[in-house]
C-alpha atoms as a PDB file:
ATOM      1  CA  MET A   1       0.000   0.000   0.000  1.00  0.00           C
ATOM      2  CA  GLY A   2       2.824   2.403   0.875  1.00  0.00           C
ATOM      3  CA  ASP A   3       4.572   1.802  -2.442  1.00  0.00           C
ATOM      4  CA  GLU A   4       1.353   2.420  -4.372  1.00  0.00           C
ATOM      5  CA  SER A   5       0.789   5.641  -2.431  1.00  0.00           C
ATOM      6  CA  GLU A   6       4.296   6.857  -3.251  1.00  0.00           C
ATOM      7  CA  GLN A   7       3.834   6.029  -6.932  1.00  0.00           C
ATOM      8  CA  ALA A   8       0.569   7.992  -6.955  1.00  0.00           C
ATOM      9  CA  ARG A   9       2.293  11.161  -5.803  1.00  0.00           C
ATOM     10  CA  PRO A  10       3.812  12.967  -8.794  1.00  0.00           C
ATOM     11  CA  GLY A  11       7.521  13.504  -8.259  1.00  0.00           C
ATOM     12  CA  ALA A  12       7.789  11.245  -5.207  1.00  0.00           C
ATOM     13  CA  HIS A  13      10.319   9.060  -7.030  1.00  0.00           C
ATOM     14  CA  VAL A  14      12.588  12.098  -7.373  1.00  0.00           C
ATOM     15  CA  SER A  15      12.545  13.389  -3.782  1.00  0.00           C
ATOM     16  CA  GLU A  16      10.200  14.635  -1.075  1.00  0.00           C
ATOM     17  CA  GLN A  17      11.173  18.204  -1.941  1.00  0.00           C
ATOM     18  CA  TRP A  18      10.262  17.640  -5.583  1.00  0.00           C
ATOM     19  CA  ALA A  19       6.971  15.939  -4.707  1.00  0.00           C
ATOM     20  CA  GLY A  20       6.072  18.974  -2.621  1.00  0.00           C
ATOM     21  CA  TRP A  21       6.839  21.294  -5.533  1.00  0.00           C
ATOM     22  CA  ARG A  22       4.827  19.143  -7.937  1.00  0.00           C
ATOM     23  CA  ALA A  23       1.843  19.147  -5.559  1.00  0.00           C
ATOM     24  CA  ALA A  24       1.827  22.948  -5.498  1.00  0.00           C
ATOM     25  CA  ILE A  25       2.285  23.478  -9.256  1.00  0.00           C
ATOM     26  CA  ASP A  26       0.089  23.015 -12.304  1.00  0.00           C
ATOM     27  CA  LEU A  27       2.577  21.975 -14.970  1.00  0.00           C
ATOM     28  CA  ALA A  28       0.622  23.519 -17.835  1.00  0.00           C
ATOM     29  CA  GLU A  29       0.488  26.878 -16.041  1.00  0.00           C
ATOM     30  CA  TYR A  30       4.160  26.599 -15.077  1.00  0.00           C
ATOM     31  CA  GLU A  31       5.150  25.938 -18.672  1.00  0.00           C
ATOM     32  CA  ALA A  32       2.982  28.792 -19.946  1.00  0.00           C
ATOM     33  CA  ARG A  33       4.958  31.267 -17.819  1.00  0.00           C
ATOM     34  CA  PHE A  34       8.007  30.732 -19.995  1.00  0.00           C
ATOM     35  CA  THR A  35       6.361  30.505 -23.409  1.00  0.00           C
ATOM     36  CA  HIS A  36       7.135  34.147 -24.178  1.00  0.00           C
ATOM     37  CA  ASP A  37      10.101  34.570 -21.852  1.00  0.00           C
ATOM     38  CA  THR A  38      12.939  36.380 -23.631  1.00  0.00           C
ATOM     39  CA  ALA A  39      15.252  37.024 -20.679  1.00  0.00           C
ATOM     40  CA  HIS A  40      16.983  33.621 -20.595  1.00  0.00           C
ATOM     41  CA  GLY A  41      19.429  34.720 -17.917  1.00  0.00           C
ATOM     42  CA  GLU A  42      20.794  31.223 -17.372  1.00  0.00           C
ATOM     43  CA  ALA A  43      21.184  30.583 -21.099  1.00  0.00           C
ATOM     44  CA  ASP A  44      22.956  33.925 -21.579  1.00  0.00           C
ATOM     45  CA  CYS A  45      25.419  33.078 -18.829  1.00  0.00           C
ATOM     46  CA  LEU A  46      26.077  29.559 -20.093  1.00  0.00           C
ATOM     47  CA  ALA A  47      26.488  30.747 -23.682  1.00  0.00           C
ATOM     48  CA  SER A  48      29.027  33.332 -22.510  1.00  0.00           C
ATOM     49  CA  LEU A  49      31.277  30.436 -21.496  1.00  0.00           C
ATOM     50  CA  HIS A  50      31.509  29.533 -25.217  1.00  0.00           C
ATOM     51  CA  PRO A  51      30.640  25.900 -24.589  1.00  0.00           C
ATOM     52  CA  ARG A  52      31.369  23.252 -27.195  1.00  0.00           C
ATOM     53  CA  SER A  53      28.535  21.231 -25.682  1.00  0.00           C
ATOM     54  CA  VAL A  54      26.202  21.417 -22.684  1.00  0.00           C
ATOM     55  CA  LEU A  55      24.449  18.852 -20.521  1.00  0.00           C
ATOM     56  CA  ASP A  56      21.413  20.469 -18.899  1.00  0.00           C
ATOM     57  CA  ALA A  57      21.252  18.231 -15.828  1.00  0.00           C
ATOM     58  CA  GLY A  58      17.795  18.417 -14.283  1.00  0.00           C
ATOM     59  CA  CYS A  59      16.449  20.090 -17.416  1.00  0.00           C
ATOM     60  CA  GLY A  60      12.764  19.939 -16.429  1.00  0.00           C
ATOM     61  CA  THR A  61      10.591  21.170 -19.291  1.00  0.00           C
ATOM     62  CA  GLY A  62      13.684  22.196 -21.230  1.00  0.00           C
ATOM     63  CA  ARG A  63      13.515  25.940 -20.761  1.00  0.00           C
ATOM     64  CA  VAL A  64      17.302  26.451 -20.744  1.00  0.00           C
ATOM     65  CA  ALA A  65      18.259  23.592 -23.057  1.00  0.00           C
ATOM     66  CA  VAL A  66      15.801  24.668 -25.745  1.00  0.00           C
ATOM     67  CA  GLU A  67      17.205  28.188 -25.743  1.00  0.00           C
ATOM     68  CA  LEU A  68      20.791  26.907 -25.969  1.00  0.00           C
ATOM     69  CA  HIS A  69      19.743  24.662 -28.866  1.00  0.00           C
ATOM     70  CA  ARG A  70      18.145  27.664 -30.573  1.00  0.00           C
ATOM     71  CA  ARG A  71      21.517  29.402 -30.352  1.00  0.00           C
ATOM     72  CA  GLY A  72      23.213  26.520 -32.153  1.00  0.00           C
ATOM     73  CA  ILE A  73      24.825  24.897 -29.100  1.00  0.00           C
ATOM     74  CA  ASP A  74      25.092  21.097 -28.900  1.00  0.00           C
ATOM     75  CA  VAL A  75      22.901  20.333 -25.881  1.00  0.00           C
ATOM     76  CA  VAL A  76      21.446  17.282 -24.149  1.00  0.00           C
ATOM     77  CA  GLY A  77      18.781  17.454 -21.430  1.00  0.00           C
ATOM     78  CA  ALA A  78      18.440  14.907 -18.620  1.00  0.00           C
ATOM     79  CA  ASP A  79      15.795  14.679 -15.922  1.00  0.00           C
ATOM     80  CA  LEU A  80      14.238  12.078 -13.636  1.00  0.00           C
ATOM     81  CA  ASP A  81      10.702  13.455 -13.952  1.00  0.00           C
ATOM     82  CA  ASP A  82       9.338  12.181 -17.253  1.00  0.00           C
ATOM     83  CA  ASP A  83       6.194  14.322 -16.915  1.00  0.00           C
ATOM     84  CA  LEU A  84       8.348  17.419 -17.415  1.00  0.00           C
ATOM     85  CA  LEU A  85      10.388  15.794 -20.165  1.00  0.00           C
ATOM     86  CA  GLN A  86       7.207  15.334 -22.183  1.00  0.00           C
ATOM     87  CA  TYR A  87       6.929  19.122 -22.471  1.00  0.00           C
ATOM     88  CA  ALA A  88      10.586  19.346 -23.502  1.00  0.00           C
ATOM     89  CA  ARG A  89      10.176  16.693 -26.191  1.00  0.00           C
ATOM     90  CA  ARG A  90       7.188  18.479 -27.692  1.00  0.00           C
ATOM     91  CA  LYS A  91       8.990  21.822 -27.760  1.00  0.00           C
ATOM     92  CA  ALA A  92      12.254  20.595 -29.241  1.00  0.00           C
ATOM     93  CA  PRO A  93      12.097  17.109 -30.761  1.00  0.00           C
ATOM     94  CA  GLY A  94      15.531  17.715 -32.297  1.00  0.00           C
ATOM     95  CA  VAL A  95      17.194  17.814 -28.869  1.00  0.00           C
ATOM     96  CA  THR A  96      18.248  14.609 -27.123  1.00  0.00           C
ATOM     97  CA  TRP A  97      16.192  14.259 -23.952  1.00  0.00           C
ATOM     98  CA  VAL A  98      17.223  11.552 -21.488  1.00  0.00           C
ATOM     99  CA  HIS A  99      15.107  10.149 -18.669  1.00  0.00           C
ATOM    100  CA  ALA A 100      17.769   9.576 -16.019  1.00  0.00           C
ATOM    101  CA  ASP A 101      18.575   9.867 -12.335  1.00  0.00           C
ATOM    102  CA  LEU A 102      21.365  12.439 -12.059  1.00  0.00           C
ATOM    103  CA  ALA A 103      22.962  10.439  -9.253  1.00  0.00           C
ATOM    104  CA  THR A 104      23.459   7.356 -11.425  1.00  0.00           C
ATOM    105  CA  MET A 105      23.264   8.512 -15.061  1.00  0.00           C
ATOM    106  CA  ARG A 106      25.716   7.086 -17.581  1.00  0.00           C
ATOM    107  CA  LEU A 107      25.299   8.911 -20.873  1.00  0.00           C
ATOM    108  CA  GLY A 108      28.322   7.502 -22.658  1.00  0.00           C
ATOM    109  CA  ARG A 109      29.800  10.904 -23.511  1.00  0.00           C
ATOM    110  CA  THR A 110      31.228  14.017 -21.899  1.00  0.00           C
ATOM    111  CA  PHE A 111      30.438  17.728 -22.192  1.00  0.00           C
ATOM    112  CA  HIS A 112      32.296  21.012 -22.051  1.00  0.00           C
ATOM    113  CA  VAL A 113      29.705  22.367 -19.601  1.00  0.00           C
ATOM    114  CA  VAL A 114      27.382  20.495 -17.273  1.00  0.00           C
ATOM    115  CA  ALA A 115      24.762  22.928 -15.989  1.00  0.00           C
ATOM    116  CA  MET A 116      22.313  22.676 -13.104  1.00  0.00           C
ATOM    117  CA  PRO A 117      20.214  25.867 -13.119  1.00  0.00           C
ATOM    118  CA  GLY A 118      16.803  26.121 -11.490  1.00  0.00           C
ATOM    119  CA  ASN A 119      17.660  24.933  -7.955  1.00  0.00           C
ATOM    120  CA  VAL A 120      18.316  21.388  -9.187  1.00  0.00           C
ATOM    121  CA  MET A 121      20.569  20.619  -6.220  1.00  0.00           C
ATOM    122  CA  LEU A 122      17.858  21.607  -3.749  1.00  0.00           C
ATOM    123  CA  PHE A 123      15.404  19.141  -5.267  1.00  0.00           C
ATOM    124  CA  CYS A 124      17.789  16.175  -5.103  1.00  0.00           C
ATOM    125  CA  ARG A 125      17.411  13.631  -2.347  1.00  0.00           C
ATOM    126  CA  PRO A 126      19.751  14.953   0.374  1.00  0.00           C
ATOM    127  CA  ALA A 127      21.607  11.652   0.620  1.00  0.00           C
ATOM    128  CA  ASP A 128      22.247  11.732  -3.147  1.00  0.00           C
ATOM    129  CA  ARG A 129      23.785  15.215  -3.319  1.00  0.00           C
ATOM    130  CA  PRO A 130      27.424  14.012  -3.394  1.00  0.00           C
ATOM    131  CA  ALA A 131      26.526  11.351  -5.970  1.00  0.00           C
ATOM    132  CA  VAL A 132      24.808  13.918  -8.192  1.00  0.00           C
ATOM    133  CA  VAL A 133      27.882  16.162  -8.149  1.00  0.00           C
ATOM    134  CA  ALA A 134      30.184  13.184  -8.772  1.00  0.00           C
ATOM    135  CA  SER A 135      28.037  11.959 -11.656  1.00  0.00           C
ATOM    136  CA  CYS A 136      27.961  15.406 -13.252  1.00  0.00           C
ATOM    137  CA  ALA A 137      31.736  15.704 -12.821  1.00  0.00           C
ATOM    138  CA  ALA A 138      32.182  12.332 -14.521  1.00  0.00           C
ATOM    139  CA  HIS A 139      30.434  13.741 -17.602  1.00  0.00           C
ATOM    140  CA  LEU A 140      32.846  16.685 -17.969  1.00  0.00           C
ATOM    141  CA  ASP A 141      35.493  17.069 -20.653  1.00  0.00           C
ATOM    142  CA  PRO A 142      39.018  17.404 -19.177  1.00  0.00           C
ATOM    143  CA  ASP A 143      38.686  21.199 -19.462  1.00  0.00           C
ATOM    144  CA  GLY A 144      34.980  21.191 -18.636  1.00  0.00           C
ATOM    145  CA  LEU A 145      33.020  23.291 -16.167  1.00  0.00           C
ATOM    146  CA  LEU A 146      30.253  22.351 -13.751  1.00  0.00           C
ATOM    147  CA  VAL A 147      27.870  25.282 -13.279  1.00  0.00           C
ATOM    148  CA  ALA A 148      25.125  25.187 -10.654  1.00  0.00           C
ATOM    149  CA  GLY A 149      22.818  27.855  -9.298  1.00  0.00           C
ATOM    150  CA  PHE A 150      20.674  27.427  -6.211  1.00  0.00           C
ATOM    151  CA  SER A 151      19.062  29.379  -3.390  1.00  0.00           C
ATOM    152  CA  LEU A 152      20.680  29.751   0.016  1.00  0.00           C
ATOM    153  CA  ARG A 153      17.810  30.152   2.427  1.00  0.00           C
ATOM    154  CA  GLY A 154      19.580  29.024   5.574  1.00  0.00           C
ATOM    155  CA  VAL A 155      16.908  26.406   6.270  1.00  0.00           C
ATOM    156  CA  ALA A 156      18.060  23.464   8.376  1.00  0.00           C
ATOM    157  CA  GLY A 157      18.897  20.482   6.206  1.00  0.00           C
ATOM    158  CA  GLU A 158      19.095  22.456   2.975  1.00  0.00           C
ATOM    159  CA  LEU A 159      22.228  22.462   0.886  1.00  0.00           C
ATOM    160  CA  THR A 160      24.938  24.923   1.866  1.00  0.00           C
ATOM    161  CA  LEU A 161      27.825  26.214  -0.222  1.00  0.00           C
ATOM    162  CA  ASP A 162      30.292  24.464   2.074  1.00  0.00           C
ATOM    163  CA  GLU A 163      28.512  21.154   1.508  1.00  0.00           C
ATOM    164  CA  TYR A 164      28.345  21.690  -2.240  1.00  0.00           C
ATOM    165  CA  ASP A 165      32.027  22.684  -2.426  1.00  0.00           C
ATOM    166  CA  ALA A 166      32.967  19.608  -0.398  1.00  0.00           C
ATOM    167  CA  ALA A 167      31.092  17.373  -2.836  1.00  0.00           C
ATOM    168  CA  ALA A 168      32.826  19.091  -5.754  1.00  0.00           C
ATOM    169  CA  THR A 169      36.234  18.646  -4.122  1.00  0.00           C
ATOM    170  CA  ALA A 170      35.509  14.957  -3.548  1.00  0.00           C
ATOM    171  CA  ALA A 171      34.653  14.690  -7.253  1.00  0.00           C
ATOM    172  CA  GLY A 172      38.029  16.167  -8.235  1.00  0.00           C
ATOM    173  CA  LEU A 173      36.821  19.696  -8.928  1.00  0.00           C
ATOM    174  CA  THR A 174      37.877  23.101  -7.624  1.00  0.00           C
ATOM    175  CA  LEU A 175      36.012  26.404  -7.455  1.00  0.00           C
ATOM    176  CA  VAL A 176      36.740  28.637 -10.460  1.00  0.00           C
ATOM    177  CA  GLN A 177      34.171  31.390  -9.972  1.00  0.00           C
ATOM    178  CA  ARG A 178      31.116  32.232  -7.901  1.00  0.00           C
ATOM    179  CA  TRP A 179      28.446  34.807  -8.690  1.00  0.00           C
ATOM    180  CA  ALA A 180      25.347  36.038  -6.890  1.00  0.00           C
ATOM    181  CA  THR A 181      23.252  35.963 -10.082  1.00  0.00           C
ATOM    182  CA  TRP A 182      23.288  34.488 -13.568  1.00  0.00           C
ATOM    183  CA  GLU A 183      24.212  37.992 -14.729  1.00  0.00           C
ATOM    184  CA  ARG A 184      27.569  37.430 -13.001  1.00  0.00           C
ATOM    185  CA  THR A 185      27.073  39.832 -10.113  1.00  0.00           C
ATOM    186  CA  PRO A 186      30.029  39.246  -7.752  1.00  0.00           C
ATOM    187  CA  PHE A 187      29.101  36.994  -4.844  1.00  0.00           C
ATOM    188  CA  ALA A 188      29.448  38.605  -1.423  1.00  0.00           C
ATOM    189  CA  GLY A 189      27.014  36.473   0.532  1.00  0.00           C
ATOM    190  CA  GLY A 190      23.278  36.518   0.068  1.00  0.00           C
ATOM    191  CA  ASP A 191      20.479  34.119  -0.699  1.00  0.00           C
ATOM    192  CA  TYR A 192      21.578  32.800  -4.115  1.00  0.00           C
ATOM    193  CA  ALA A 193      24.816  31.619  -5.688  1.00  0.00           C
ATOM    194  CA  VAL A 194      25.985  30.443  -9.078  1.00  0.00           C
ATOM    195  CA  SER A 195      29.056  28.258  -8.657  1.00  0.00           C
ATOM    196  CA  VAL A 196      31.509  27.325 -11.412  1.00  0.00           C
ATOM    197  CA  HIS A 197      33.857  24.401 -10.761  1.00  0.00           C
ATOM    198  CA  GLY A 198      36.540  22.903 -12.990  1.00  0.00           C
ATOM    199  CA  ALA A 199      39.074  20.121 -12.775  1.00  0.00           C
ATOM    200  CA  ALA A 200      41.509  20.497  -9.903  1.00  0.00           C
ATOM    201  CA  THR A 201      45.083  21.118 -11.036  1.00  0.00           C
END
């Protein structure tokens, strides 16, 4: 009975945090918010890194990946929630969309940039955070960059920058840059951070 109940809750297979978000959101309305969005702050930032290729890890409905594809960038989107991937597939059938758990994915290729915008790390199962970072790092080219943006609300049990940096270090990465916004505002504390990690030298 418990297993059936979990399966009936959209997003429960991803994490409790994600199931809570899914329960509060109408996906059609959520997707409609971005139909005419022209800001694309995350895509602008990622494109400014001149990536040869991008893995949008935790791509959701494909908002960032679709925009990168539109700009001619080789991009792949991966997400564990297939409900969201259905929107991505309809919007951009020419993009490769992969239904995968970020903690265990094996895509058989590497990327110049692996990106996790949209608070992806906050929606992971807490116990899987190090595995998600390690898996993303394993999909980087030797000169690749892992870029992740997430909120810092100071809530007990939520991911901290120290925890994220420790996971990156364990995965063989070192901090290259940190901004307070996707517009590259210098980070001096605050409630949001965009972290860029590369291979440790």
